[in-house]
């Protein structure tokens, strides 16, 4: 099967495929020093949090901070 992607590009990269999941959540922001609401994106086992107050983007270990987050999305 032929693809229009350049050599070495599969189409499953974050920039092409987008995040595995996206949701809103509270998380501690080291810039604001408080737990703030924000937006979480996950891709390939890595999670990023964007603080809605200061706009800071940070990589977080969401699964160890909130081990039941997947189940809580469906409550």
N, C-alpha and C. Protein backbone atom coordinates (compact mmCIF):
# COMPACT_ATOMS: atom_id res chain seq x y z
N UNK A 1 0.84 -1.18 0.00
CA UNK A 1 0.00 0.00 0.00
C UNK A 1 0.89 1.24 0.00
N UNK A 2 0.64 2.14 -0.85
CA UNK A 2 1.41 3.37 -1.02
C UNK A 2 0.86 4.47 -0.12
N UNK A 3 1.75 5.37 0.29
CA UNK A 3 1.34 6.49 1.15
C UNK A 3 1.92 7.78 0.59
N UNK A 4 1.29 8.87 0.92
CA UNK A 4 1.80 10.18 0.50
C UNK A 4 2.76 10.79 1.51
N UNK A 5 3.07 10.06 2.59
CA UNK A 5 3.98 10.55 3.62
C UNK A 5 5.42 10.37 3.15
N UNK A 6 6.31 11.25 3.62
CA UNK A 6 7.73 11.10 3.29
C UNK A 6 8.31 9.85 3.94
N UNK A 7 9.47 9.38 3.49
CA UNK A 7 10.09 8.20 4.10
C UNK A 7 10.28 8.38 5.60
N UNK A 8 9.97 7.34 6.37
CA UNK A 8 10.12 7.37 7.82
C UNK A 8 8.91 7.90 8.57
N UNK A 9 7.91 8.40 7.87
CA UNK A 9 6.71 8.92 8.52
C UNK A 9 5.60 7.88 8.35
N UNK A 10 4.98 7.50 9.47
CA UNK A 10 3.95 6.45 9.43
C UNK A 10 2.53 6.99 9.38
N UNK A 11 2.33 8.23 9.83
CA UNK A 11 0.98 8.77 9.93
C UNK A 11 0.40 8.60 11.33
N UNK A 12 1.11 7.85 12.18
CA UNK A 12 0.65 7.66 13.56
C UNK A 12 1.33 8.63 14.52
N UNK A 13 2.14 9.55 14.01
CA UNK A 13 2.81 10.53 14.86
C UNK A 13 1.77 11.50 15.44
N UNK A 14 2.09 12.04 16.63
CA UNK A 14 1.17 12.94 17.32
C UNK A 14 0.73 14.10 16.43
N UNK A 15 1.67 14.69 15.71
CA UNK A 15 1.36 15.85 14.88
C UNK A 15 0.37 15.51 13.77
N UNK A 16 0.32 14.26 13.35
CA UNK A 16 -0.59 13.84 12.28
C UNK A 16 -1.86 13.21 12.86
N UNK A 17 -1.70 12.26 13.78
CA UNK A 17 -2.83 11.51 14.30
C UNK A 17 -3.59 12.23 15.41
N UNK A 18 -2.91 13.12 16.13
CA UNK A 18 -3.54 13.80 17.26
C UNK A 18 -3.43 12.97 18.52
N UNK A 19 -3.98 13.49 19.63
CA UNK A 19 -3.86 12.80 20.91
C UNK A 19 -4.71 11.53 20.98
N UNK A 20 -4.30 10.61 21.89
CA UNK A 20 -5.11 9.42 22.16
C UNK A 20 -6.38 9.78 22.91
N UNK A 21 -6.26 10.73 23.83
CA UNK A 21 -7.44 11.20 24.57
C UNK A 21 -7.22 12.65 25.00
N UNK A 22 -8.34 13.34 25.23
CA UNK A 22 -8.34 14.72 25.68
C UNK A 22 -9.47 14.88 26.69
N UNK A 23 -9.19 15.55 27.82
CA UNK A 23 -10.24 15.78 28.81
C UNK A 23 -9.82 16.91 29.74
N UNK A 24 -10.81 17.47 30.45
CA UNK A 24 -10.53 18.50 31.43
C UNK A 24 -10.33 17.86 32.79
N UNK A 25 -9.42 18.45 33.59
CA UNK A 25 -9.12 17.88 34.90
C UNK A 25 -8.44 18.94 35.75
N UNK A 26 -8.50 18.77 37.08
CA UNK A 26 -7.73 19.61 37.99
C UNK A 26 -6.37 18.96 38.19
N UNK A 27 -5.35 19.79 38.20
CA UNK A 27 -4.00 19.29 38.43
C UNK A 27 -3.18 20.40 39.07
N UNK A 28 -2.17 20.04 39.87
CA UNK A 28 -1.32 21.05 40.50
C UNK A 28 -0.46 21.73 39.45
N UNK A 29 -0.50 23.04 39.44
CA UNK A 29 0.31 23.82 38.50
C UNK A 29 1.50 24.40 39.26
N UNK A 30 2.73 24.05 38.88
CA UNK A 30 3.91 24.57 39.58
C UNK A 30 4.17 26.05 39.30
N UNK A 31 3.48 26.65 38.36
CA UNK A 31 3.63 28.08 38.10
C UNK A 31 2.67 28.86 39.00
N UNK A 32 1.41 28.40 39.11
CA UNK A 32 0.40 29.07 39.95
C UNK A 32 0.47 28.61 41.41
N UNK A 33 1.11 27.48 41.67
CA UNK A 33 1.23 26.86 42.99
C UNK A 33 -0.12 26.50 43.60
N UNK A 34 -1.08 26.15 42.77
CA UNK A 34 -2.38 25.68 43.26
C UNK A 34 -2.88 24.60 42.31
N UNK A 35 -3.90 23.90 42.76
CA UNK A 35 -4.55 22.94 41.88
C UNK A 35 -5.53 23.71 41.01
N UNK A 36 -5.30 23.67 39.72
CA UNK A 36 -6.10 24.47 38.79
C UNK A 36 -6.81 23.58 37.79
N UNK A 37 -7.97 24.03 37.29
CA UNK A 37 -8.58 23.30 36.19
C UNK A 37 -7.74 23.49 34.94
N UNK A 38 -7.75 22.50 34.10
CA UNK A 38 -7.00 22.61 32.86
C UNK A 38 -7.36 21.50 31.91
N UNK A 39 -6.60 21.39 30.87
CA UNK A 39 -6.86 20.47 29.78
C UNK A 39 -5.73 19.46 29.71
N UNK A 40 -6.06 18.17 29.68
CA UNK A 40 -5.06 17.11 29.62
C UNK A 40 -5.16 16.42 28.26
N UNK A 41 -4.01 16.18 27.64
CA UNK A 41 -3.93 15.39 26.42
C UNK A 41 -2.98 14.24 26.67
N UNK A 42 -3.31 13.06 26.15
CA UNK A 42 -2.42 11.91 26.27
C UNK A 42 -2.09 11.38 24.89
N UNK A 43 -0.87 10.86 24.77
CA UNK A 43 -0.45 10.23 23.52
C UNK A 43 0.70 9.29 23.82
N UNK A 44 0.55 8.04 23.47
CA UNK A 44 1.63 7.06 23.63
C UNK A 44 2.12 6.91 25.05
N UNK A 45 1.23 7.02 26.03
CA UNK A 45 1.60 6.86 27.42
C UNK A 45 2.16 8.12 28.07
N UNK A 46 2.21 9.22 27.35
CA UNK A 46 2.67 10.49 27.89
C UNK A 46 1.47 11.43 28.00
N UNK A 47 1.41 12.18 29.10
CA UNK A 47 0.31 13.12 29.31
C UNK A 47 0.86 14.54 29.45
N UNK A 48 0.11 15.50 28.93
CA UNK A 48 0.45 16.91 29.05
C UNK A 48 -0.73 17.64 29.66
N UNK A 49 -0.46 18.60 30.54
CA UNK A 49 -1.48 19.42 31.18
C UNK A 49 -1.27 20.86 30.77
N UNK A 50 -2.37 21.54 30.42
CA UNK A 50 -2.33 22.96 30.11
C UNK A 50 -3.18 23.68 31.15
N UNK A 51 -2.55 24.50 31.98
CA UNK A 51 -3.24 25.23 33.05
C UNK A 51 -4.14 26.29 32.43
N UNK A 52 -5.41 26.33 32.86
CA UNK A 52 -6.34 27.31 32.30
C UNK A 52 -6.12 28.71 32.87
N UNK A 53 -5.35 28.82 33.97
CA UNK A 53 -5.11 30.13 34.58
C UNK A 53 -3.89 30.81 33.97
N UNK A 54 -2.74 30.14 33.96
CA UNK A 54 -1.52 30.79 33.46
C UNK A 54 -1.14 30.34 32.05
N UNK A 55 -1.77 29.28 31.54
CA UNK A 55 -1.48 28.82 30.19
C UNK A 55 -0.24 27.96 30.07
N UNK A 56 0.38 27.62 31.21
CA UNK A 56 1.60 26.80 31.20
C UNK A 56 1.30 25.39 30.70
N UNK A 57 2.13 24.88 29.80
CA UNK A 57 2.06 23.49 29.33
C UNK A 57 3.13 22.69 30.05
N UNK A 58 2.76 21.51 30.56
CA UNK A 58 3.74 20.68 31.26
C UNK A 58 3.44 19.22 31.04
N UNK A 59 4.50 18.41 30.97
CA UNK A 59 4.34 16.96 30.90
C UNK A 59 4.07 16.47 32.32
N UNK A 60 3.09 15.58 32.47
CA UNK A 60 2.74 15.07 33.80
C UNK A 60 2.66 13.55 33.76
N UNK A 61 2.80 12.94 34.92
CA UNK A 61 2.61 11.50 35.05
C UNK A 61 1.17 11.29 35.55
N UNK A 62 0.22 11.41 34.64
CA UNK A 62 -1.20 11.42 35.02
C UNK A 62 -1.66 10.07 35.56
N UNK A 63 -1.20 8.99 34.98
CA UNK A 63 -1.68 7.68 35.41
C UNK A 63 -1.26 7.34 36.83
N UNK A 64 -0.06 7.76 37.28
CA UNK A 64 0.31 7.47 38.66
C UNK A 64 -0.31 8.48 39.62
N UNK A 65 -0.59 9.71 39.15
CA UNK A 65 -1.24 10.70 40.00
C UNK A 65 -2.72 10.36 40.21
N UNK A 66 -3.36 9.87 39.16
CA UNK A 66 -4.78 9.55 39.20
C UNK A 66 -4.97 8.16 38.58
N UNK A 67 -4.70 7.08 39.33
CA UNK A 67 -4.69 5.74 38.74
C UNK A 67 -6.03 5.29 38.16
N UNK A 68 -7.14 5.88 38.58
CA UNK A 68 -8.46 5.45 38.07
C UNK A 68 -9.05 6.44 37.08
N UNK A 69 -8.21 7.27 36.45
CA UNK A 69 -8.74 8.30 35.58
C UNK A 69 -9.50 7.75 34.39
N UNK A 70 -9.07 6.59 33.86
CA UNK A 70 -9.77 6.04 32.69
C UNK A 70 -11.19 5.64 33.05
N UNK A 71 -11.36 5.02 34.22
CA UNK A 71 -12.69 4.62 34.64
C UNK A 71 -13.58 5.84 34.93
N UNK A 72 -12.98 6.91 35.50
CA UNK A 72 -13.77 8.08 35.87
C UNK A 72 -14.29 8.84 34.66
N UNK A 73 -13.68 8.67 33.48
CA UNK A 73 -14.16 9.35 32.28
C UNK A 73 -15.54 8.86 31.87
N UNK A 74 -15.89 7.67 32.29
CA UNK A 74 -17.15 7.08 31.83
C UNK A 74 -18.23 7.09 32.89
N UNK A 75 -17.99 7.74 34.05
CA UNK A 75 -19.00 7.81 35.12
C UNK A 75 -20.08 8.81 34.77
